[in-house]
Each structure stands twice: as C-alpha cells, then as structure tokens.
C-alpha cells in the first residue's frame, strides 16, 4: 500500500491543505464534497493524487477525499450520498479495474442518476461505458489506438493532438478511449482526435452529469519524464473539463 505521504507532498506543492479526519467526512463547513477513487489496480497512484490536487486546488471550494481500498474513506453508498462529485482517475487495465469496482456499480449509477456528477479520466472514461463499466454512457467506448487514422498505435506514454473547443492542443496520452455519444441536446463534445473520434464529452445520465476524457489534460510536468516527452501545460483544459460538471 502506497504511503499517503506522496499525496501530502502533492498537496503541499500546490498549496492545498490536508483534509480533516474521516469522522468529519461530510464536508468542512459548507464546502461540497468530492470523492476520488484510489485503489490497488491503479498502476501508479499519481493518477489519483493528481486528480485530487486538481479538484482541491480548483476554484470550486471542494472538500476532496480519496475513497477506496487505498483512500481515506471507503467507497460506499453512504459516502456517495454526501458527495457532489465522484471522480474515477486513470491508471491500470480495464478488466481488473472493473472487477475491483463492480461491487460499487449499483451505488455509482444511483449516485449519478439522482443528481451526482461523474468525472472519468482515461481509464475512468472506459469505466463509464456499458461493456466493462458503470453503464453511464449509452454510446460506444473503445481504444483510440485501434481506430482508422489514429496518430498513436501503441500503449506507451506519448502525446496526442486533439481539437479542444475549436483549438488544436497537444495532450499527454496513454492508451485512452474514444467515445461515440448519442447526439442529444444534453451532450456536448469538448474535444476530438484528429481522425474526428470524440476525445472528451459531457452528457447527462438521469438527473446527473457525466464528463469523460481519453487523454490526460491533468498531467503534471513529472508525467513527461518517462520516456522523455516535451512538457505540455494543459491545466487549463483540465479545469475546463472538471468545470463542465462543477460550474453552475
């Protein structure tokens, strides 16, 4: 089990205070609660810790807690009932991650259906699908690297070009998904890959909102070290992405 000291280090670097004790898990004061999954099938806990730091350091005044086997709190129906948002970070392979999370599928679906928000980064985007996932997206979810015209053909850390809200951007990428959404009025495509496959979107599920992204706009500078890649500063995209379900 990875030490929480690494998470404390991420918080310290970004000037984010450490949360209060689990006994005060509803929130601190009137701050809305956000939950970020942290579990053993994630190959690198930095994926979870980066999302925690992103949400805690954003403009939304969130009380952010890690949930799951390696979190501060258990992932449960009761925890979700107190939350405004549940985030599923990247890291790890789909099948073992789904088996780990399958016992919580009903609780997550209930949370979103009744007004909660879901953020899925890379693996969290796959897990929003219906095959091996929570079933929050009605359209297809698949590997971008397997699509015709993909600019990446392997599962290694690399960069990918996307068009985000009409602007070309380069983003960290590691075998992320594409999405085939229903073209309804509640669905907004935020970004597409260069072959026009959808790279990020926000849509509705019941009374809640679901935002998913294939690449990693939340990536921090250290993510680009192995193998060495040109550092891309895409924090603005990560804030835009999270803001699609958090901003009024």
C-alpha atoms as a PDB file:
ATOM      1  CA  UNK A   1       0.000   0.000   0.000  1.00  0.00           C
ATOM      2  CA  UNK A   2       1.433   3.309  -1.063  1.00  0.00           C
ATOM      3  CA  UNK A   3       2.180   5.863   1.645  1.00  0.00           C
ATOM      4  CA  UNK A   4      -0.168   8.823   1.929  1.00  0.00           C
ATOM      5  CA  UNK A   5       2.989  10.935   2.286  1.00  0.00           C
ATOM      6  CA  UNK A   6       3.145  11.192  -1.511  1.00  0.00           C
ATOM      7  CA  UNK A   7      -0.370  12.613  -1.605  1.00  0.00           C
ATOM      8  CA  UNK A   8       0.576  15.068   1.155  1.00  0.00           C
ATOM      9  CA  UNK A   9       3.571  16.107  -0.961  1.00  0.00           C
ATOM     10  CA  UNK A  10       1.300  16.811  -3.975  1.00  0.00           C
ATOM     11  CA  UNK A  11      -0.983  18.890  -1.765  1.00  0.00           C
ATOM     12  CA  UNK A  12       1.973  20.789  -0.309  1.00  0.00           C
ATOM     13  CA  UNK A  13       3.375  21.577  -3.762  1.00  0.00           C
ATOM     14  CA  UNK A  14       0.055  23.061  -4.882  1.00  0.00           C
ATOM     15  CA  UNK A  15      -0.652  24.747  -1.551  1.00  0.00           C
ATOM     16  CA  UNK A  16      -3.690  22.550  -0.885  1.00  0.00           C
ATOM     17  CA  UNK A  17      -4.481  21.912   2.801  1.00  0.00           C
ATOM     18  CA  UNK A  18      -4.750  18.369   4.126  1.00  0.00           C
ATOM     19  CA  UNK A  19      -8.388  17.395   4.803  1.00  0.00           C
ATOM     20  CA  UNK A  20      -9.760  16.907   8.272  1.00  0.00           C
ATOM     21  CA  UNK A  21     -10.279  13.499   9.820  1.00  0.00           C
ATOM     22  CA  UNK A  22     -12.625  10.884   8.286  1.00  0.00           C
ATOM     23  CA  UNK A  23     -15.080  11.471  11.146  1.00  0.00           C
ATOM     24  CA  UNK A  24     -15.756  14.868   9.590  1.00  0.00           C
ATOM     25  CA  UNK A  25     -16.261  13.342   6.124  1.00  0.00           C
ATOM     26  CA  UNK A  26     -19.445  15.171   5.130  1.00  0.00           C
ATOM     27  CA  UNK A  27     -17.586  18.434   4.451  1.00  0.00           C
ATOM     28  CA  UNK A  28     -15.806  21.254   6.210  1.00  0.00           C
ATOM     29  CA  UNK A  29     -18.334  23.988   6.774  1.00  0.00           C
ATOM     30  CA  UNK A  30     -20.444  24.376   3.646  1.00  0.00           C
ATOM     31  CA  UNK A  31     -17.866  23.064   1.193  1.00  0.00           C
ATOM     32  CA  UNK A  32     -19.251  20.481  -1.270  1.00  0.00           C
ATOM     33  CA  UNK A  33     -17.711  17.029  -1.042  1.00  0.00           C
ATOM     34  CA  UNK A  34     -15.813  15.460  -3.967  1.00  0.00           C
ATOM     35  CA  UNK A  35     -14.649  11.827  -3.911  1.00  0.00           C
ATOM     36  CA  UNK A  36     -11.702  10.480  -5.928  1.00  0.00           C
ATOM     37  CA  UNK A  37     -11.135   6.725  -6.228  1.00  0.00           C
ATOM     38  CA  UNK A  38      -7.788   5.329  -5.072  1.00  0.00           C
ATOM     39  CA  UNK A  39      -7.358   1.566  -5.406  1.00  0.00           C
ATOM     40  CA  UNK A  40      -4.786  -1.227  -5.789  1.00  0.00           C
ATOM     41  CA  UNK A  41      -5.339  -1.906  -9.502  1.00  0.00           C
ATOM     42  CA  UNK A  42      -4.168   1.613 -10.355  1.00  0.00           C
ATOM     43  CA  UNK A  43      -0.614   1.054 -11.548  1.00  0.00           C
ATOM     44  CA  UNK A  44       0.517   4.482 -10.367  1.00  0.00           C
ATOM     45  CA  UNK A  45      -1.270   6.309  -7.563  1.00  0.00           C
ATOM     46  CA  UNK A  46      -0.038   9.572  -9.084  1.00  0.00           C
ATOM     47  CA  UNK A  47      -3.068   9.373 -11.399  1.00  0.00           C
ATOM     48  CA  UNK A  48      -5.404   9.576  -8.413  1.00  0.00           C
ATOM     49  CA  UNK A  49      -3.292  12.067  -6.478  1.00  0.00           C
ATOM     50  CA  UNK A  50      -3.114  14.418  -9.459  1.00  0.00           C
ATOM     51  CA  UNK A  51      -6.918  14.444  -9.793  1.00  0.00           C
ATOM     52  CA  UNK A  52      -7.245  15.050  -6.047  1.00  0.00           C
ATOM     53  CA  UNK A  53      -4.881  18.011  -6.280  1.00  0.00           C
ATOM     54  CA  UNK A  54      -6.641  19.333  -9.405  1.00  0.00           C
ATOM     55  CA  UNK A  55     -10.045  19.350  -7.718  1.00  0.00           C
ATOM     56  CA  UNK A  56      -8.789  20.609  -4.358  1.00  0.00           C
ATOM     57  CA  UNK A  57      -6.813  23.425  -5.965  1.00  0.00           C
ATOM     58  CA  UNK A  58      -9.568  24.476  -8.377  1.00  0.00           C
ATOM     59  CA  UNK A  59     -11.973  27.395  -7.992  1.00  0.00           C
ATOM     60  CA  UNK A  60     -14.899  25.330  -6.681  1.00  0.00           C
ATOM     61  CA  UNK A  61     -14.102  25.262  -2.945  1.00  0.00           C
ATOM     62  CA  UNK A  62     -14.365  21.483  -2.750  1.00  0.00           C
ATOM     63  CA  UNK A  63     -13.674  19.248   0.214  1.00  0.00           C
ATOM     64  CA  UNK A  64     -11.811  16.483  -1.655  1.00  0.00           C
ATOM     65  CA  UNK A  65     -11.389  12.978  -0.219  1.00  0.00           C
ATOM     66  CA  UNK A  66      -9.760   9.828  -1.589  1.00  0.00           C
ATOM     67  CA  UNK A  67     -12.077   6.809  -1.406  1.00  0.00           C
ATOM     68  CA  UNK A  68     -11.486   3.112  -1.946  1.00  0.00           C
ATOM     69  CA  UNK A  69      -9.053   0.479  -0.608  1.00  0.00           C
ATOM     70  CA  UNK A  70      -6.155   2.962  -0.627  1.00  0.00           C
ATOM     71  CA  UNK A  71      -8.172   6.059   0.212  1.00  0.00           C
ATOM     72  CA  UNK A  72      -9.111   7.910   3.371  1.00  0.00           C
ATOM     73  CA  UNK A  73     -12.706   6.649   3.229  1.00  0.00           C
ATOM     74  CA  UNK A  74     -14.433   3.541   1.863  1.00  0.00           C
ATOM     75  CA  UNK A  75     -16.314   3.877  -1.404  1.00  0.00           C
ATOM     76  CA  UNK A  76     -19.905   3.333  -0.307  1.00  0.00           C
ATOM     77  CA  UNK A  77     -23.486   4.383  -0.949  1.00  0.00           C
ATOM     78  CA  UNK A  78     -23.365   6.491   2.225  1.00  0.00           C
ATOM     79  CA  UNK A  79     -20.200   8.326   1.128  1.00  0.00           C
ATOM     80  CA  UNK A  80     -21.667   8.988  -2.313  1.00  0.00           C
ATOM     81  CA  UNK A  81     -24.909  10.256  -0.758  1.00  0.00           C
ATOM     82  CA  UNK A  82     -22.937  13.095   0.854  1.00  0.00           C
ATOM     83  CA  UNK A  83     -20.962  13.948  -2.292  1.00  0.00           C
ATOM     84  CA  UNK A  84     -21.462  16.314  -5.184  1.00  0.00           C
ATOM     85  CA  UNK A  85     -18.914  14.618  -7.443  1.00  0.00           C
ATOM     86  CA  UNK A  86     -17.216  11.257  -7.900  1.00  0.00           C
ATOM     87  CA  UNK A  87     -14.012  11.115  -9.971  1.00  0.00           C
ATOM     88  CA  UNK A  88     -12.524   7.958 -11.476  1.00  0.00           C
ATOM     89  CA  UNK A  89      -8.861   8.582 -12.392  1.00  0.00           C
ATOM     90  CA  UNK A  90      -6.689   6.779 -14.909  1.00  0.00           C
ATOM     91  CA  UNK A  91      -4.034   4.156 -14.253  1.00  0.00           C
ATOM     92  CA  UNK A  92      -4.201   0.380 -14.724  1.00  0.00           C
ATOM     93  CA  UNK A  93      -6.007  -2.014 -17.046  1.00  0.00           C
ATOM     94  CA  UNK A  94      -9.749  -2.106 -17.629  1.00  0.00           C
ATOM     95  CA  UNK A  95     -10.645  -5.708 -16.740  1.00  0.00           C
ATOM     96  CA  UNK A  96      -9.009  -5.863 -13.281  1.00  0.00           C
ATOM     97  CA  UNK A  97     -10.200  -2.336 -12.511  1.00  0.00           C
ATOM     98  CA  UNK A  98     -13.769  -3.267 -13.416  1.00  0.00           C
ATOM     99  CA  UNK A  99     -13.651  -6.404 -11.269  1.00  0.00           C
ATOM    100  CA  UNK A 100     -12.420  -4.265  -8.375  1.00  0.00           C
ATOM    101  CA  UNK A 101     -15.182  -1.698  -8.856  1.00  0.00           C
ATOM    102  CA  UNK A 102     -18.020  -3.974  -9.970  1.00  0.00           C
ATOM    103  CA  UNK A 103     -19.408  -4.300  -6.406  1.00  0.00           C
ATOM    104  CA  UNK A 104     -19.914  -0.500  -6.418  1.00  0.00           C
ATOM    105  CA  UNK A 105     -21.576  -0.285  -9.843  1.00  0.00           C
ATOM    106  CA  UNK A 106     -25.118  -0.002  -8.495  1.00  0.00           C
ATOM    107  CA  UNK A 107     -24.138   2.679  -5.972  1.00  0.00           C
ATOM    108  CA  UNK A 108     -22.293   4.794  -8.561  1.00  0.00           C
ATOM    109  CA  UNK A 109     -25.159   4.545 -11.055  1.00  0.00           C
ATOM    110  CA  UNK A 110     -27.662   5.511  -8.337  1.00  0.00           C
ATOM    111  CA  UNK A 111     -25.471   8.459  -7.314  1.00  0.00           C
ATOM    112  CA  UNK A 112     -25.305   9.903 -10.829  1.00  0.00           C
ATOM    113  CA  UNK A 113     -28.891   9.080 -11.786  1.00  0.00           C
ATOM    114  CA  UNK A 114     -30.120  11.060  -8.790  1.00  0.00           C
ATOM    115  CA  UNK A 115     -28.128  14.208  -9.466  1.00  0.00           C
ATOM    116  CA  UNK A 116     -24.464  13.455  -8.802  1.00  0.00           C
ATOM    117  CA  UNK A 117     -21.598  14.205 -11.172  1.00  0.00           C
ATOM    118  CA  UNK A 118     -19.059  11.730 -12.585  1.00  0.00           C
ATOM    119  CA  UNK A 119     -15.608  12.640 -13.912  1.00  0.00           C
ATOM    120  CA  UNK A 120     -13.747   9.928 -15.819  1.00  0.00           C
ATOM    121  CA  UNK A 121     -10.108  10.373 -16.853  1.00  0.00           C
ATOM    122  CA  UNK A 122      -8.752   7.811 -19.364  1.00  0.00           C
ATOM    123  CA  UNK A 123      -9.467   4.516 -17.526  1.00  0.00           C
ATOM    124  CA  UNK A 124     -12.322   6.355 -15.827  1.00  0.00           C
ATOM    125  CA  UNK A 125     -13.678   7.059 -19.306  1.00  0.00           C
ATOM    126  CA  UNK A 126     -13.584   3.361 -20.191  1.00  0.00           C
ATOM    127  CA  UNK A 127     -15.305   2.595 -16.873  1.00  0.00           C
ATOM    128  CA  UNK A 128     -18.182   4.923 -17.747  1.00  0.00           C
ATOM    129  CA  UNK A 129     -19.070   2.575 -20.608  1.00  0.00           C
ATOM    130  CA  UNK A 130     -21.510  -0.312 -20.676  1.00  0.00           C
ATOM    131  CA  UNK A 131     -19.229  -3.267 -21.522  1.00  0.00           C
ATOM    132  CA  UNK A 132     -16.928  -3.391 -18.503  1.00  0.00           C
ATOM    133  CA  UNK A 133     -18.098  -0.323 -16.667  1.00  0.00           C
ATOM    134  CA  UNK A 134     -20.757   1.531 -14.741  1.00  0.00           C
ATOM    135  CA  UNK A 135     -23.068   1.926 -17.752  1.00  0.00           C
ATOM    136  CA  UNK A 136     -23.249   5.713 -17.587  1.00  0.00           C
ATOM    137  CA  UNK A 137     -22.734   6.181 -21.348  1.00  0.00           C
ATOM    138  CA  UNK A 138     -25.097   4.746 -23.929  1.00  0.00           C
ATOM    139  CA  UNK A 139     -22.694   5.069 -26.855  1.00  0.00           C
ATOM    140  CA  UNK A 140     -19.617   3.033 -27.742  1.00  0.00           C
ATOM    141  CA  UNK A 141     -16.358   3.369 -25.794  1.00  0.00           C
ATOM    142  CA  UNK A 142     -13.202   1.887 -27.303  1.00  0.00           C
ATOM    143  CA  UNK A 143      -9.444   2.186 -27.754  1.00  0.00           C
ATOM    144  CA  UNK A 144      -8.443   5.218 -29.803  1.00  0.00           C
ATOM    145  CA  UNK A 145      -5.280   3.415 -30.981  1.00  0.00           C
ATOM    146  CA  UNK A 146      -7.480   0.840 -32.773  1.00  0.00           C
ATOM    147  CA  UNK A 147      -9.411   3.418 -34.825  1.00  0.00           C
ATOM    148  CA  UNK A 148      -8.682   4.174 -38.509  1.00  0.00           C
ATOM    149  CA  UNK A 149      -6.453   7.218 -38.871  1.00  0.00           C
ATOM    150  CA  UNK A 150      -5.250   7.198 -35.254  1.00  0.00           C
ATOM    151  CA  UNK A 151      -1.972   9.065 -34.762  1.00  0.00           C
ATOM    152  CA  UNK A 152      -0.906   6.645 -31.983  1.00  0.00           C
ATOM    153  CA  UNK A 153      -0.650   2.875 -32.469  1.00  0.00           C
ATOM    154  CA  UNK A 154       0.746   1.597 -29.138  1.00  0.00           C
ATOM    155  CA  UNK A 155       0.045   1.692 -25.392  1.00  0.00           C
ATOM    156  CA  UNK A 156       3.151   3.623 -24.345  1.00  0.00           C
ATOM    157  CA  UNK A 157       3.227   7.092 -22.782  1.00  0.00           C
ATOM    158  CA  UNK A 158       3.120   9.631 -25.589  1.00  0.00           C
ATOM    159  CA  UNK A 159       1.434  12.798 -26.846  1.00  0.00           C
ATOM    160  CA  UNK A 160      -1.710  13.154 -28.899  1.00  0.00           C
ATOM    161  CA  UNK A 161      -3.179  16.016 -30.882  1.00  0.00           C
ATOM    162  CA  UNK A 162      -6.770  16.986 -30.168  1.00  0.00           C
ATOM    163  CA  UNK A 163      -9.058  19.837 -31.101  1.00  0.00           C
ATOM    164  CA  UNK A 164     -10.436  21.177 -27.821  1.00  0.00           C
ATOM    165  CA  UNK A 165     -13.345  23.594 -28.216  1.00  0.00           C
ATOM    166  CA  UNK A 166     -12.070  24.505 -31.669  1.00  0.00           C
ATOM    167  CA  UNK A 167      -8.378  24.910 -30.733  1.00  0.00           C
ATOM    168  CA  UNK A 168      -5.584  22.472 -31.558  1.00  0.00           C
ATOM    169  CA  UNK A 169      -3.800  21.220 -28.413  1.00  0.00           C
ATOM    170  CA  UNK A 170      -1.206  18.577 -27.588  1.00  0.00           C
ATOM    171  CA  UNK A 171      -2.017  16.429 -24.547  1.00  0.00           C
ATOM    172  CA  UNK A 172      -0.388  13.597 -22.599  1.00  0.00           C
ATOM    173  CA  UNK A 173      -1.807  10.239 -23.697  1.00  0.00           C
ATOM    174  CA  UNK A 174      -1.562   6.596 -22.676  1.00  0.00           C
ATOM    175  CA  UNK A 175      -3.977   4.228 -24.437  1.00  0.00           C
ATOM    176  CA  UNK A 176      -7.016   6.391 -23.782  1.00  0.00           C
ATOM    177  CA  UNK A 177     -10.518   5.782 -25.107  1.00  0.00           C
ATOM    178  CA  UNK A 178     -12.676   7.395 -27.737  1.00  0.00           C
ATOM    179  CA  UNK A 179     -16.415   7.861 -27.340  1.00  0.00           C
ATOM    180  CA  UNK A 180     -19.384   7.540 -29.697  1.00  0.00           C
ATOM    181  CA  UNK A 181     -22.046   9.595 -27.936  1.00  0.00           C
ATOM    182  CA  UNK A 182     -25.717   9.955 -28.630  1.00  0.00           C
ATOM    183  CA  UNK A 183     -26.280  13.256 -30.415  1.00  0.00           C
ATOM    184  CA  UNK A 184     -28.821  14.588 -27.934  1.00  0.00           C
ATOM    185  CA  UNK A 185     -29.302  18.128 -26.638  1.00  0.00           C
ATOM    186  CA  UNK A 186     -27.696  17.224 -23.299  1.00  0.00           C
ATOM    187  CA  UNK A 187     -24.420  16.099 -24.884  1.00  0.00           C
ATOM    188  CA  UNK A 188     -21.527  18.465 -25.609  1.00  0.00           C
ATOM    189  CA  UNK A 189     -18.387  17.303 -27.403  1.00  0.00           C
ATOM    190  CA  UNK A 190     -15.440  19.098 -25.800  1.00  0.00           C
ATOM    191  CA  UNK A 191     -12.640  17.613 -27.892  1.00  0.00           C
ATOM    192  CA  UNK A 192     -11.964  15.367 -30.867  1.00  0.00           C
ATOM    193  CA  UNK A 193      -8.897  13.475 -32.027  1.00  0.00           C
ATOM    194  CA  UNK A 194      -7.514  14.341 -35.466  1.00  0.00           C
ATOM    195  CA  UNK A 195      -9.494  11.455 -37.025  1.00  0.00           C
ATOM    196  CA  UNK A 196     -12.706  13.055 -35.690  1.00  0.00           C
ATOM    197  CA  UNK A 197     -13.281  10.452 -32.987  1.00  0.00           C
ATOM    198  CA  UNK A 198     -14.552  12.068 -29.786  1.00  0.00           C
ATOM    199  CA  UNK A 199     -11.816  12.555 -27.167  1.00  0.00           C
ATOM    200  CA  UNK A 200     -13.868  14.298 -24.451  1.00  0.00           C
ATOM    201  CA  UNK A 201     -17.530  14.975 -23.818  1.00  0.00           C
ATOM    202  CA  UNK A 202     -20.090  15.849 -21.171  1.00  0.00           C
ATOM    203  CA  UNK A 203     -23.578  14.370 -21.115  1.00  0.00           C
ATOM    204  CA  UNK A 204     -26.488  13.506 -18.840  1.00  0.00           C
ATOM    205  CA  UNK A 205     -27.369  10.323 -17.019  1.00  0.00           C
ATOM    206  CA  UNK A 206     -30.704  10.638 -15.272  1.00  0.00           C
ATOM    207  CA  UNK A 207     -30.599  13.846 -13.230  1.00  0.00           C
ATOM    208  CA  UNK A 208     -26.781  13.796 -13.092  1.00  0.00           C
ATOM    209  CA  UNK A 209     -23.877  14.739 -15.340  1.00  0.00           C
ATOM    210  CA  UNK A 210     -21.098  12.600 -16.806  1.00  0.00           C
ATOM    211  CA  UNK A 211     -17.844  14.024 -18.188  1.00  0.00           C
ATOM    212  CA  UNK A 212     -15.222  11.727 -19.729  1.00  0.00           C
ATOM    213  CA  UNK A 213     -11.871  12.330 -21.412  1.00  0.00           C
ATOM    214  CA  UNK A 214      -9.481   9.966 -23.208  1.00  0.00           C
ATOM    215  CA  UNK A 215      -6.169  11.860 -22.946  1.00  0.00           C
ATOM    216  CA  UNK A 216      -4.773  13.292 -19.690  1.00  0.00           C
ATOM    217  CA  UNK A 217      -5.172  17.092 -19.547  1.00  0.00           C
ATOM    218  CA  UNK A 218      -4.492  16.890 -15.789  1.00  0.00           C
ATOM    219  CA  UNK A 219      -0.919  15.616 -16.345  1.00  0.00           C
ATOM    220  CA  UNK A 220       1.784  17.414 -14.349  1.00  0.00           C
ATOM    221  CA  UNK A 221       5.356  18.005 -15.514  1.00  0.00           C
ATOM    222  CA  UNK A 222       6.742  14.793 -13.998  1.00  0.00           C
ATOM    223  CA  UNK A 223       4.438  12.683 -16.165  1.00  0.00           C
ATOM    224  CA  UNK A 224       6.522  13.620 -19.230  1.00  0.00           C
ATOM    225  CA  UNK A 225       9.800  12.192 -17.858  1.00  0.00           C
ATOM    226  CA  UNK A 226       9.490   8.501 -18.875  1.00  0.00           C
ATOM    227  CA  UNK A 227      10.077   8.342 -21.752  1.00  0.00           C
ATOM    228  CA  UNK A 228      11.220  11.961 -22.109  1.00  0.00           C
ATOM    229  CA  UNK A 229       8.470  13.954 -23.832  1.00  0.00           C
ATOM    230  CA  UNK A 230       8.078  17.678 -24.448  1.00  0.00           C
ATOM    231  CA  UNK A 231       6.168  19.023 -21.446  1.00  0.00           C
ATOM    232  CA  UNK A 232       2.659  20.224 -22.289  1.00  0.00           C
ATOM    233  CA  UNK A 233       0.876  22.625 -19.970  1.00  0.00           C
ATOM    234  CA  UNK A 234      -2.796  21.659 -20.220  1.00  0.00           C
ATOM    235  CA  UNK A 235      -4.036  22.545 -16.736  1.00  0.00           C
ATOM    236  CA  UNK A 236      -6.489  24.960 -18.341  1.00  0.00           C
ATOM    237  CA  UNK A 237      -8.079  22.056 -20.219  1.00  0.00           C
ATOM    238  CA  UNK A 238      -8.315  20.001 -17.031  1.00  0.00           C
ATOM    239  CA  UNK A 239     -10.079  22.865 -15.262  1.00  0.00           C
ATOM    240  CA  UNK A 240     -12.412  23.321 -18.235  1.00  0.00           C
ATOM    241  CA  UNK A 241     -13.158  19.597 -18.207  1.00  0.00           C
ATOM    242  CA  UNK A 242     -13.953  19.450 -14.487  1.00  0.00           C
ATOM    243  CA  UNK A 243     -15.872  22.694 -14.756  1.00  0.00           C
ATOM    244  CA  UNK A 244     -18.348  21.147 -17.205  1.00  0.00           C
ATOM    245  CA  UNK A 245     -19.996  19.367 -14.264  1.00  0.00           C
ATOM    246  CA  UNK A 246     -18.977  21.689 -11.414  1.00  0.00           C
ATOM    247  CA  UNK A 247     -19.700  25.167 -12.723  1.00  0.00           C
ATOM    248  CA  UNK A 248     -23.314  26.336 -12.343  1.00  0.00           C
END
